[in-house]
């Protein structure tokens, strides 16, 4: 991931929320991980830095249940 981002790509979530912690897109089914918010952010939108100025927002919908993952969203002004 470090090499990818260093090659001219943007982690869109970190673009908008560089210091926000405790927001995840995946939780294990074991040990009540989601209930404890012990997860990982493993679902990404990675874009070319050339469109950074067109990025509008990124969201992680942790309020959506039904899977061990939750939806991630990216809004781009095209």
N, C-alpha and C. Protein backbone atom coordinates (compact mmCIF):
# COMPACT_ATOMS: atom_id res chain seq x y z
N UNK A 1 0.83 -1.18 0.00
CA UNK A 1 0.00 0.00 0.00
C UNK A 1 0.88 1.25 0.00
N UNK A 2 1.94 1.24 0.77
CA UNK A 2 2.84 2.40 0.82
C UNK A 2 3.43 2.68 -0.56
N UNK A 3 3.84 1.63 -1.25
CA UNK A 3 4.41 1.79 -2.59
C UNK A 3 3.35 2.30 -3.57
N UNK A 4 2.15 1.79 -3.48
CA UNK A 4 1.07 2.24 -4.35
C UNK A 4 0.78 3.73 -4.15
N UNK A 5 0.65 4.15 -2.91
CA UNK A 5 0.37 5.55 -2.62
C UNK A 5 1.55 6.44 -2.99
N UNK A 6 2.74 5.92 -2.87
CA UNK A 6 3.93 6.67 -3.26
C UNK A 6 4.13 6.77 -4.76
N UNK A 7 3.34 6.00 -5.51
CA UNK A 7 3.45 6.00 -6.97
C UNK A 7 2.43 6.91 -7.64
N UNK A 8 1.79 7.78 -6.88
CA UNK A 8 0.87 8.75 -7.48
C UNK A 8 -0.60 8.43 -7.32
N UNK A 9 -0.94 7.64 -6.29
CA UNK A 9 -2.33 7.31 -6.04
C UNK A 9 -2.76 7.86 -4.69
N UNK A 10 -4.07 8.02 -4.51
CA UNK A 10 -4.64 8.62 -3.31
C UNK A 10 -5.56 7.63 -2.61
N UNK A 11 -5.35 7.46 -1.32
CA UNK A 11 -6.31 6.75 -0.46
C UNK A 11 -7.39 7.79 -0.15
N UNK A 12 -8.54 7.67 -0.79
CA UNK A 12 -9.53 8.74 -0.74
C UNK A 12 -10.09 8.97 0.66
N UNK A 13 -10.20 7.93 1.48
CA UNK A 13 -10.67 8.12 2.86
C UNK A 13 -9.70 9.01 3.63
N UNK A 14 -8.41 8.73 3.54
CA UNK A 14 -7.40 9.53 4.24
C UNK A 14 -7.26 10.93 3.64
N UNK A 15 -7.61 11.10 2.38
CA UNK A 15 -7.61 12.41 1.76
C UNK A 15 -8.55 13.35 2.53
N UNK A 16 -9.72 12.85 2.90
CA UNK A 16 -10.69 13.66 3.63
C UNK A 16 -10.54 13.60 5.14
N UNK A 17 -10.07 12.50 5.67
CA UNK A 17 -10.01 12.30 7.12
C UNK A 17 -8.62 11.80 7.52
N UNK A 18 -7.60 12.63 7.39
CA UNK A 18 -6.23 12.15 7.60
C UNK A 18 -5.92 11.70 9.03
N UNK A 19 -6.65 12.20 10.01
CA UNK A 19 -6.32 11.88 11.40
C UNK A 19 -7.43 11.13 12.13
N UNK A 20 -8.53 10.83 11.46
CA UNK A 20 -9.66 10.16 12.11
C UNK A 20 -9.32 8.70 12.38
N UNK A 21 -9.53 8.29 13.61
CA UNK A 21 -9.23 6.91 14.01
C UNK A 21 -10.52 6.19 14.42
N UNK A 22 -10.48 4.89 14.46
CA UNK A 22 -11.60 4.10 14.96
C UNK A 22 -12.74 3.91 13.98
N UNK A 23 -12.50 4.15 12.69
CA UNK A 23 -13.52 3.95 11.66
C UNK A 23 -13.06 2.78 10.79
N UNK A 24 -13.88 1.74 10.74
CA UNK A 24 -13.49 0.51 10.06
C UNK A 24 -14.54 0.09 9.05
N UNK A 25 -14.15 -0.75 8.11
CA UNK A 25 -15.07 -1.28 7.11
C UNK A 25 -15.23 -2.80 7.22
N UNK A 26 -14.52 -3.43 8.12
CA UNK A 26 -14.60 -4.88 8.31
C UNK A 26 -14.39 -5.23 9.77
N UNK A 27 -15.16 -6.20 10.24
CA UNK A 27 -15.05 -6.72 11.60
C UNK A 27 -15.19 -8.23 11.54
N UNK A 28 -14.40 -8.92 12.32
CA UNK A 28 -14.51 -10.36 12.42
C UNK A 28 -15.86 -10.72 13.04
N UNK A 29 -16.38 -11.88 12.66
CA UNK A 29 -17.60 -12.38 13.29
C UNK A 29 -17.31 -12.92 14.69
N UNK A 30 -16.06 -13.09 15.00
CA UNK A 30 -15.68 -13.69 16.28
C UNK A 30 -15.54 -12.63 17.38
N UNK A 31 -15.78 -13.04 18.59
CA UNK A 31 -15.50 -12.24 19.79
C UNK A 31 -16.26 -10.91 19.84
N UNK A 32 -17.42 -10.85 19.15
CA UNK A 32 -18.24 -9.62 19.14
C UNK A 32 -17.42 -8.41 18.71
N UNK A 33 -16.60 -8.60 17.69
CA UNK A 33 -15.68 -7.55 17.24
C UNK A 33 -16.41 -6.29 16.78
N UNK A 34 -17.50 -6.47 16.07
CA UNK A 34 -18.22 -5.27 15.58
C UNK A 34 -18.84 -4.51 16.74
N UNK A 35 -19.39 -5.22 17.66
CA UNK A 35 -19.98 -4.60 18.85
C UNK A 35 -18.93 -3.80 19.62
N UNK A 36 -17.69 -4.29 19.63
CA UNK A 36 -16.59 -3.61 20.33
C UNK A 36 -15.85 -2.63 19.42
N UNK A 37 -16.26 -2.55 18.16
CA UNK A 37 -15.59 -1.74 17.14
C UNK A 37 -14.09 -2.07 17.05
N UNK A 38 -13.82 -3.35 17.03
CA UNK A 38 -12.45 -3.83 16.85
C UNK A 38 -12.34 -4.38 15.43
N UNK A 39 -12.06 -3.51 14.49
CA UNK A 39 -12.06 -3.91 13.09
C UNK A 39 -10.84 -3.42 12.35
N UNK A 40 -10.94 -3.53 11.04
CA UNK A 40 -9.89 -3.06 10.13
C UNK A 40 -10.55 -2.25 9.03
N UNK A 41 -9.83 -1.33 8.48
CA UNK A 41 -10.28 -0.62 7.29
C UNK A 41 -9.59 -1.28 6.11
N UNK A 42 -10.29 -2.23 5.48
CA UNK A 42 -9.68 -3.00 4.40
C UNK A 42 -10.38 -2.79 3.06
N UNK A 43 -11.38 -1.95 3.02
CA UNK A 43 -12.10 -1.65 1.78
C UNK A 43 -11.74 -0.22 1.39
N UNK A 44 -11.15 -0.07 0.21
CA UNK A 44 -10.59 1.21 -0.20
C UNK A 44 -11.11 1.65 -1.55
N UNK A 45 -11.13 2.96 -1.75
CA UNK A 45 -11.18 3.55 -3.08
C UNK A 45 -9.83 4.23 -3.26
N UNK A 46 -9.05 3.76 -4.20
CA UNK A 46 -7.75 4.32 -4.52
C UNK A 46 -7.88 4.97 -5.89
N UNK A 47 -7.51 6.24 -5.99
CA UNK A 47 -7.63 6.96 -7.26
C UNK A 47 -6.30 7.59 -7.64
N UNK A 48 -6.20 7.98 -8.89
CA UNK A 48 -5.03 8.71 -9.35
C UNK A 48 -5.02 10.10 -8.73
N UNK A 49 -3.85 10.57 -8.32
CA UNK A 49 -3.73 11.91 -7.76
C UNK A 49 -4.22 12.98 -8.72
N UNK A 50 -4.24 12.68 -10.02
CA UNK A 50 -4.69 13.65 -11.02
C UNK A 50 -6.13 14.09 -10.80
N UNK A 51 -6.93 13.28 -10.09
CA UNK A 51 -8.32 13.69 -9.88
C UNK A 51 -8.60 14.15 -8.44
N UNK A 52 -7.55 14.38 -7.65
CA UNK A 52 -7.75 14.85 -6.27
C UNK A 52 -8.67 16.06 -6.20
N UNK A 53 -8.55 17.00 -7.12
CA UNK A 53 -9.36 18.21 -7.09
C UNK A 53 -10.84 17.92 -7.36
N UNK A 54 -11.13 16.74 -7.91
CA UNK A 54 -12.52 16.37 -8.21
C UNK A 54 -13.17 15.51 -7.12
N UNK A 55 -12.39 15.12 -6.12
CA UNK A 55 -12.94 14.33 -5.02
C UNK A 55 -13.86 15.21 -4.18
N UNK A 56 -15.06 14.72 -3.90
CA UNK A 56 -16.05 15.49 -3.15
C UNK A 56 -16.18 14.98 -1.72
N UNK A 57 -16.27 13.66 -1.54
CA UNK A 57 -16.43 13.12 -0.19
C UNK A 57 -16.18 11.61 -0.24
N UNK A 58 -15.85 11.07 0.92
CA UNK A 58 -15.71 9.62 1.11
C UNK A 58 -16.42 9.26 2.40
N UNK A 59 -17.10 8.14 2.39
CA UNK A 59 -17.84 7.71 3.58
C UNK A 59 -17.64 6.21 3.80
N UNK A 60 -17.67 5.84 5.07
CA UNK A 60 -17.72 4.44 5.47
C UNK A 60 -19.01 4.29 6.25
N UNK A 61 -19.91 3.46 5.76
CA UNK A 61 -21.25 3.32 6.35
C UNK A 61 -21.28 2.20 7.38
N UNK A 62 -20.65 2.44 8.50
CA UNK A 62 -20.57 1.42 9.55
C UNK A 62 -21.92 1.13 10.20
N UNK A 63 -22.92 1.96 9.93
CA UNK A 63 -24.27 1.74 10.47
C UNK A 63 -25.04 0.67 9.68
N UNK A 64 -24.51 0.24 8.54
CA UNK A 64 -25.16 -0.76 7.70
C UNK A 64 -24.69 -2.15 8.12
N UNK A 65 -25.64 -2.99 8.49
CA UNK A 65 -25.34 -4.35 8.94
C UNK A 65 -25.75 -5.35 7.86
N UNK A 66 -25.37 -6.60 8.05
CA UNK A 66 -25.76 -7.66 7.14
C UNK A 66 -24.58 -8.45 6.62
N UNK A 67 -23.39 -7.99 6.93
CA UNK A 67 -22.16 -8.64 6.46
C UNK A 67 -21.06 -8.33 7.46
N UNK A 68 -19.92 -8.96 7.28
CA UNK A 68 -18.76 -8.60 8.09
C UNK A 68 -18.09 -7.34 7.55
N UNK A 69 -18.50 -6.90 6.37
CA UNK A 69 -18.05 -5.63 5.78
C UNK A 69 -19.21 -4.65 5.80
N UNK A 70 -18.90 -3.38 5.71
CA UNK A 70 -19.94 -2.38 5.49
C UNK A 70 -19.62 -1.65 4.20
N UNK A 71 -20.62 -0.97 3.63
CA UNK A 71 -20.38 -0.25 2.37
C UNK A 71 -19.42 0.94 2.55
N UNK A 72 -18.62 1.15 1.54
CA UNK A 72 -17.80 2.36 1.46
C UNK A 72 -18.28 3.14 0.23
N UNK A 73 -18.18 4.46 0.31
CA UNK A 73 -18.74 5.31 -0.73
C UNK A 73 -17.73 6.38 -1.11
N UNK A 74 -17.66 6.71 -2.38
CA UNK A 74 -16.82 7.78 -2.87
C UNK A 74 -17.63 8.65 -3.80
N UNK A 75 -17.60 9.95 -3.57
CA UNK A 75 -18.28 10.91 -4.45
C UNK A 75 -17.22 11.70 -5.21
N UNK A 76 -17.35 11.68 -6.54
CA UNK A 76 -16.41 12.38 -7.42
C UNK A 76 -17.21 13.31 -8.32
N UNK A 77 -16.73 14.51 -8.49
CA UNK A 77 -17.36 15.46 -9.40
C UNK A 77 -16.75 15.27 -10.78
N UNK A 78 -17.46 14.55 -11.63
CA UNK A 78 -16.98 14.31 -12.99
C UNK A 78 -17.67 15.23 -13.95
